[in-house]
Amino acid sequence: MNIIAWVVLGLIAGAIGKAIYPGRQGGGILATMLLGIVGAFIGGSLVTFIQTGSIGLVGASLSIPGVIVAVLGAIIAIFLWGLVTRRTA
């Protein structure tokens, strides 16, 4: 998949993932795009693991099912990032 498709998929998946996930997430458009790209890899790898039983680094494609998988991966990435950067009160 070319770089423009990755950027578009990242923007779409990151924006939808941030809108769905409760709470406020910081970051601008670049952070949203990176979140969506990471989400595409997380979601694609999880779907590959569920379908084949083997672990592989696979990104979701720029299609409707690919965007859905990337959004789910972006939500997982937001959750994991929140666990890593959580501050104690």
N, C-alpha and C. Protein backbone atom coordinates (compact mmCIF):
# COMPACT_ATOMS: atom_id res chain seq x y z
N MET A 1 0.86 -1.17 0.00
CA MET A 1 0.00 0.00 0.00
C MET A 1 0.90 1.23 0.00
N ASN A 2 0.58 2.22 -0.82
CA ASN A 2 1.45 3.37 -0.90
C ASN A 2 1.27 4.32 0.28
N ILE A 3 2.16 5.28 0.37
CA ILE A 3 2.21 6.16 1.54
C ILE A 3 0.96 7.04 1.65
N ILE A 4 0.39 7.46 0.53
CA ILE A 4 -0.81 8.29 0.58
C ILE A 4 -1.99 7.52 1.15
N ALA A 5 -2.11 6.26 0.80
CA ALA A 5 -3.18 5.43 1.35
C ALA A 5 -2.98 5.23 2.85
N TRP A 6 -1.72 5.06 3.29
CA TRP A 6 -1.46 4.92 4.73
C TRP A 6 -1.83 6.18 5.47
N VAL A 7 -1.53 7.35 4.90
CA VAL A 7 -1.88 8.62 5.54
C VAL A 7 -3.39 8.77 5.63
N VAL A 8 -4.10 8.47 4.55
CA VAL A 8 -5.56 8.58 4.54
C VAL A 8 -6.18 7.61 5.54
N LEU A 9 -5.72 6.36 5.52
CA LEU A 9 -6.23 5.37 6.47
C LEU A 9 -5.93 5.78 7.90
N GLY A 10 -4.74 6.32 8.14
CA GLY A 10 -4.37 6.77 9.47
C GLY A 10 -5.25 7.91 9.96
N LEU A 11 -5.51 8.87 9.09
CA LEU A 11 -6.37 10.00 9.49
C LEU A 11 -7.79 9.54 9.78
N ILE A 12 -8.32 8.70 8.93
CA ILE A 12 -9.69 8.23 9.12
C ILE A 12 -9.81 7.39 10.39
N ALA A 13 -8.95 6.40 10.52
CA ALA A 13 -9.03 5.49 11.67
C ALA A 13 -8.71 6.20 12.97
N GLY A 14 -7.70 7.07 12.97
CA GLY A 14 -7.34 7.80 14.19
C GLY A 14 -8.44 8.74 14.64
N ALA A 15 -9.05 9.46 13.70
CA ALA A 15 -10.12 10.39 14.06
C ALA A 15 -11.34 9.66 14.58
N ILE A 16 -11.73 8.57 13.93
CA ILE A 16 -12.89 7.81 14.40
C ILE A 16 -12.59 7.15 15.74
N GLY A 17 -11.38 6.61 15.89
CA GLY A 17 -11.00 5.99 17.16
C GLY A 17 -11.01 6.97 18.31
N LYS A 18 -10.49 8.19 18.08
CA LYS A 18 -10.51 9.21 19.13
C LYS A 18 -11.93 9.66 19.45
N ALA A 19 -12.80 9.70 18.44
CA ALA A 19 -14.18 10.11 18.67
C ALA A 19 -14.95 9.05 19.47
N ILE A 20 -14.65 7.79 19.25
CA ILE A 20 -15.36 6.70 19.93
C ILE A 20 -14.86 6.51 21.36
N TYR A 21 -13.55 6.60 21.56
CA TYR A 21 -12.96 6.30 22.88
C TYR A 21 -13.36 7.40 23.87
N PRO A 22 -13.84 7.00 25.06
CA PRO A 22 -14.27 8.00 26.04
C PRO A 22 -13.08 8.76 26.63
N GLY A 23 -13.34 9.99 27.02
CA GLY A 23 -12.30 10.82 27.61
C GLY A 23 -11.68 11.73 26.58
N ARG A 24 -10.70 12.49 27.03
CA ARG A 24 -10.04 13.43 26.14
C ARG A 24 -8.63 12.95 25.86
N GLN A 25 -8.30 12.87 24.59
CA GLN A 25 -6.95 12.50 24.19
C GLN A 25 -6.31 13.72 23.55
N GLY A 26 -5.10 14.01 23.95
CA GLY A 26 -4.39 15.14 23.38
C GLY A 26 -3.80 14.80 22.03
N GLY A 27 -3.10 15.73 21.48
CA GLY A 27 -2.43 15.50 20.21
C GLY A 27 -3.16 16.16 19.06
N GLY A 28 -2.41 16.52 18.07
CA GLY A 28 -2.97 17.17 16.90
C GLY A 28 -3.20 16.18 15.77
N ILE A 29 -3.15 16.70 14.57
CA ILE A 29 -3.44 15.87 13.40
C ILE A 29 -2.35 14.83 13.16
N LEU A 30 -1.10 15.17 13.46
CA LEU A 30 -0.01 14.21 13.28
C LEU A 30 -0.14 13.05 14.25
N ALA A 31 -0.49 13.35 15.51
CA ALA A 31 -0.68 12.28 16.49
C ALA A 31 -1.87 11.41 16.11
N THR A 32 -2.92 12.01 15.60
CA THR A 32 -4.09 11.25 15.16
C THR A 32 -3.73 10.33 14.01
N MET A 33 -2.94 10.84 13.05
CA MET A 33 -2.54 10.04 11.91
C MET A 33 -1.65 8.87 12.35
N LEU A 34 -0.70 9.13 13.22
CA LEU A 34 0.17 8.06 13.71
C LEU A 34 -0.62 7.03 14.50
N LEU A 35 -1.57 7.51 15.29
CA LEU A 35 -2.43 6.60 16.04
C LEU A 35 -3.21 5.69 15.11
N GLY A 36 -3.73 6.24 14.03
CA GLY A 36 -4.47 5.43 13.07
C GLY A 36 -3.60 4.43 12.34
N ILE A 37 -2.36 4.81 12.00
CA ILE A 37 -1.45 3.89 11.33
C ILE A 37 -1.05 2.77 12.27
N VAL A 38 -0.74 3.10 13.52
CA VAL A 38 -0.43 2.06 14.52
C VAL A 38 -1.65 1.18 14.73
N GLY A 39 -2.83 1.78 14.76
CA GLY A 39 -4.07 1.02 14.90
C GLY A 39 -4.30 0.07 13.74
N ALA A 40 -3.92 0.49 12.53
CA ALA A 40 -4.06 -0.39 11.37
C ALA A 40 -3.16 -1.61 11.51
N PHE A 41 -1.95 -1.42 12.02
CA PHE A 41 -1.07 -2.56 12.23
C PHE A 41 -1.56 -3.46 13.36
N ILE A 42 -2.02 -2.86 14.45
CA ILE A 42 -2.54 -3.67 15.56
C ILE A 42 -3.77 -4.46 15.12
N GLY A 43 -4.71 -3.78 14.48
CA GLY A 43 -5.93 -4.45 14.03
C GLY A 43 -5.66 -5.50 12.98
N GLY A 44 -4.81 -5.19 12.01
CA GLY A 44 -4.47 -6.17 10.98
C GLY A 44 -3.77 -7.39 11.53
N SER A 45 -2.88 -7.17 12.50
CA SER A 45 -2.18 -8.30 13.12
C SER A 45 -3.13 -9.16 13.94
N LEU A 46 -4.07 -8.52 14.65
CA LEU A 46 -5.04 -9.29 15.44
C LEU A 46 -5.97 -10.11 14.54
N VAL A 47 -6.43 -9.52 13.44
CA VAL A 47 -7.29 -10.26 12.53
C VAL A 47 -6.54 -11.43 11.91
N THR A 48 -5.28 -11.21 11.53
CA THR A 48 -4.46 -12.29 10.98
C THR A 48 -4.27 -13.40 12.00
N PHE A 49 -4.04 -13.04 13.26
CA PHE A 49 -3.87 -14.03 14.32
C PHE A 49 -5.15 -14.83 14.53
N ILE A 50 -6.29 -14.15 14.52
CA ILE A 50 -7.57 -14.84 14.71
C ILE A 50 -7.88 -15.78 13.55
N GLN A 51 -7.58 -15.33 12.33
CA GLN A 51 -7.91 -16.13 11.15
C GLN A 51 -6.96 -17.30 10.94
N THR A 52 -5.65 -17.10 11.14
CA THR A 52 -4.67 -18.12 10.80
C THR A 52 -4.03 -18.78 12.01
N GLY A 53 -4.06 -18.13 13.14
CA GLY A 53 -3.41 -18.68 14.33
C GLY A 53 -1.92 -18.38 14.38
N SER A 54 -1.42 -17.61 13.43
CA SER A 54 -0.01 -17.24 13.45
C SER A 54 0.12 -15.72 13.57
N ILE A 55 1.19 -15.30 14.20
CA ILE A 55 1.41 -13.88 14.43
C ILE A 55 2.20 -13.30 13.27
N GLY A 56 1.70 -12.23 12.70
CA GLY A 56 2.39 -11.56 11.61
C GLY A 56 2.08 -10.08 11.65
N LEU A 57 3.04 -9.25 11.25
CA LEU A 57 2.83 -7.81 11.23
C LEU A 57 2.19 -7.45 9.89
N VAL A 58 0.87 -7.29 9.93
CA VAL A 58 0.10 -7.02 8.72
C VAL A 58 -0.74 -5.78 8.98
N GLY A 59 -0.75 -4.88 8.03
CA GLY A 59 -1.57 -3.68 8.15
C GLY A 59 -2.90 -3.86 7.44
N ALA A 60 -3.89 -3.15 7.91
CA ALA A 60 -5.20 -3.18 7.27
C ALA A 60 -5.14 -2.40 5.97
N SER A 61 -6.01 -2.75 5.05
CA SER A 61 -6.03 -2.08 3.75
C SER A 61 -7.02 -0.93 3.76
N LEU A 62 -6.96 -0.12 2.73
CA LEU A 62 -7.86 1.02 2.61
C LEU A 62 -9.16 0.57 1.94
N SER A 63 -10.00 -0.08 2.75
CA SER A 63 -11.32 -0.54 2.33
C SER A 63 -12.23 -0.43 3.55
N ILE A 64 -13.50 -0.67 3.37
CA ILE A 64 -14.43 -0.55 4.50
C ILE A 64 -14.06 -1.52 5.63
N PRO A 65 -13.85 -2.82 5.36
CA PRO A 65 -13.43 -3.71 6.45
C PRO A 65 -12.06 -3.31 7.02
N GLY A 66 -11.17 -2.82 6.16
CA GLY A 66 -9.86 -2.39 6.63
C GLY A 66 -9.94 -1.19 7.56
N VAL A 67 -10.84 -0.26 7.25
CA VAL A 67 -11.02 0.91 8.11
C VAL A 67 -11.63 0.48 9.45
N ILE A 68 -12.58 -0.45 9.43
CA ILE A 68 -13.17 -0.93 10.68
C ILE A 68 -12.12 -1.60 11.55
N VAL A 69 -11.28 -2.43 10.95
CA VAL A 69 -10.21 -3.09 11.69
C VAL A 69 -9.22 -2.07 12.22
N ALA A 70 -8.89 -1.06 11.41
CA ALA A 70 -7.95 -0.03 11.85
C ALA A 70 -8.52 0.82 12.98
N VAL A 71 -9.82 1.09 12.95
CA VAL A 71 -10.45 1.84 14.04
C VAL A 71 -10.41 1.03 15.33
N LEU A 72 -10.72 -0.25 15.25
CA LEU A 72 -10.62 -1.11 16.45
C LEU A 72 -9.18 -1.14 16.98
N GLY A 73 -8.23 -1.22 16.07
CA GLY A 73 -6.83 -1.19 16.48
C GLY A 73 -6.45 0.15 17.09
N ALA A 74 -6.99 1.25 16.56
CA ALA A 74 -6.71 2.57 17.12
C ALA A 74 -7.28 2.71 18.52
N ILE A 75 -8.46 2.13 18.76
CA ILE A 75 -9.04 2.16 20.10
C ILE A 75 -8.16 1.38 21.07
N ILE A 76 -7.65 0.24 20.63
CA ILE A 76 -6.73 -0.54 21.46
C ILE A 76 -5.45 0.26 21.72
N ALA A 77 -4.95 0.94 20.69
CA ALA A 77 -3.73 1.74 20.85
C ALA A 77 -3.95 2.89 21.83
N ILE A 78 -5.11 3.55 21.78
CA ILE A 78 -5.42 4.62 22.74
C ILE A 78 -5.45 4.06 24.15
N PHE A 79 -6.08 2.91 24.33
CA PHE A 79 -6.15 2.28 25.65
C PHE A 79 -4.75 1.96 26.17
N LEU A 80 -3.92 1.35 25.32
CA LEU A 80 -2.56 0.99 25.75
C LEU A 80 -1.73 2.24 26.04
N TRP A 81 -1.88 3.28 25.24
CA TRP A 81 -1.14 4.51 25.48
C TRP A 81 -1.57 5.15 26.80
N GLY A 82 -2.87 5.06 27.12
CA GLY A 82 -3.37 5.56 28.39
C GLY A 82 -2.79 4.78 29.57
N LEU A 83 -2.60 3.48 29.41
CA LEU A 83 -1.99 2.69 30.48
C LEU A 83 -0.52 3.06 30.69
N VAL A 84 0.16 3.34 29.60
CA VAL A 84 1.59 3.66 29.69
C VAL A 84 1.79 5.04 30.29
N THR A 85 0.96 6.00 29.93
CA THR A 85 1.18 7.38 30.36
C THR A 85 0.30 7.80 31.53
N ARG A 86 -0.36 6.85 32.17
CA ARG A 86 -1.26 7.18 33.27
C ARG A 86 -0.47 7.80 34.42
N ARG A 87 -1.01 8.87 34.96
CA ARG A 87 -0.40 9.54 36.11
C ARG A 87 -1.19 9.19 37.35
N THR A 88 -0.49 8.99 38.44
CA THR A 88 -1.19 8.71 39.71
C THR A 88 -1.52 10.03 40.37
N ALA A 89 -2.69 10.09 41.00
CA ALA A 89 -3.14 11.33 41.62
C ALA A 89 -2.54 11.52 42.98
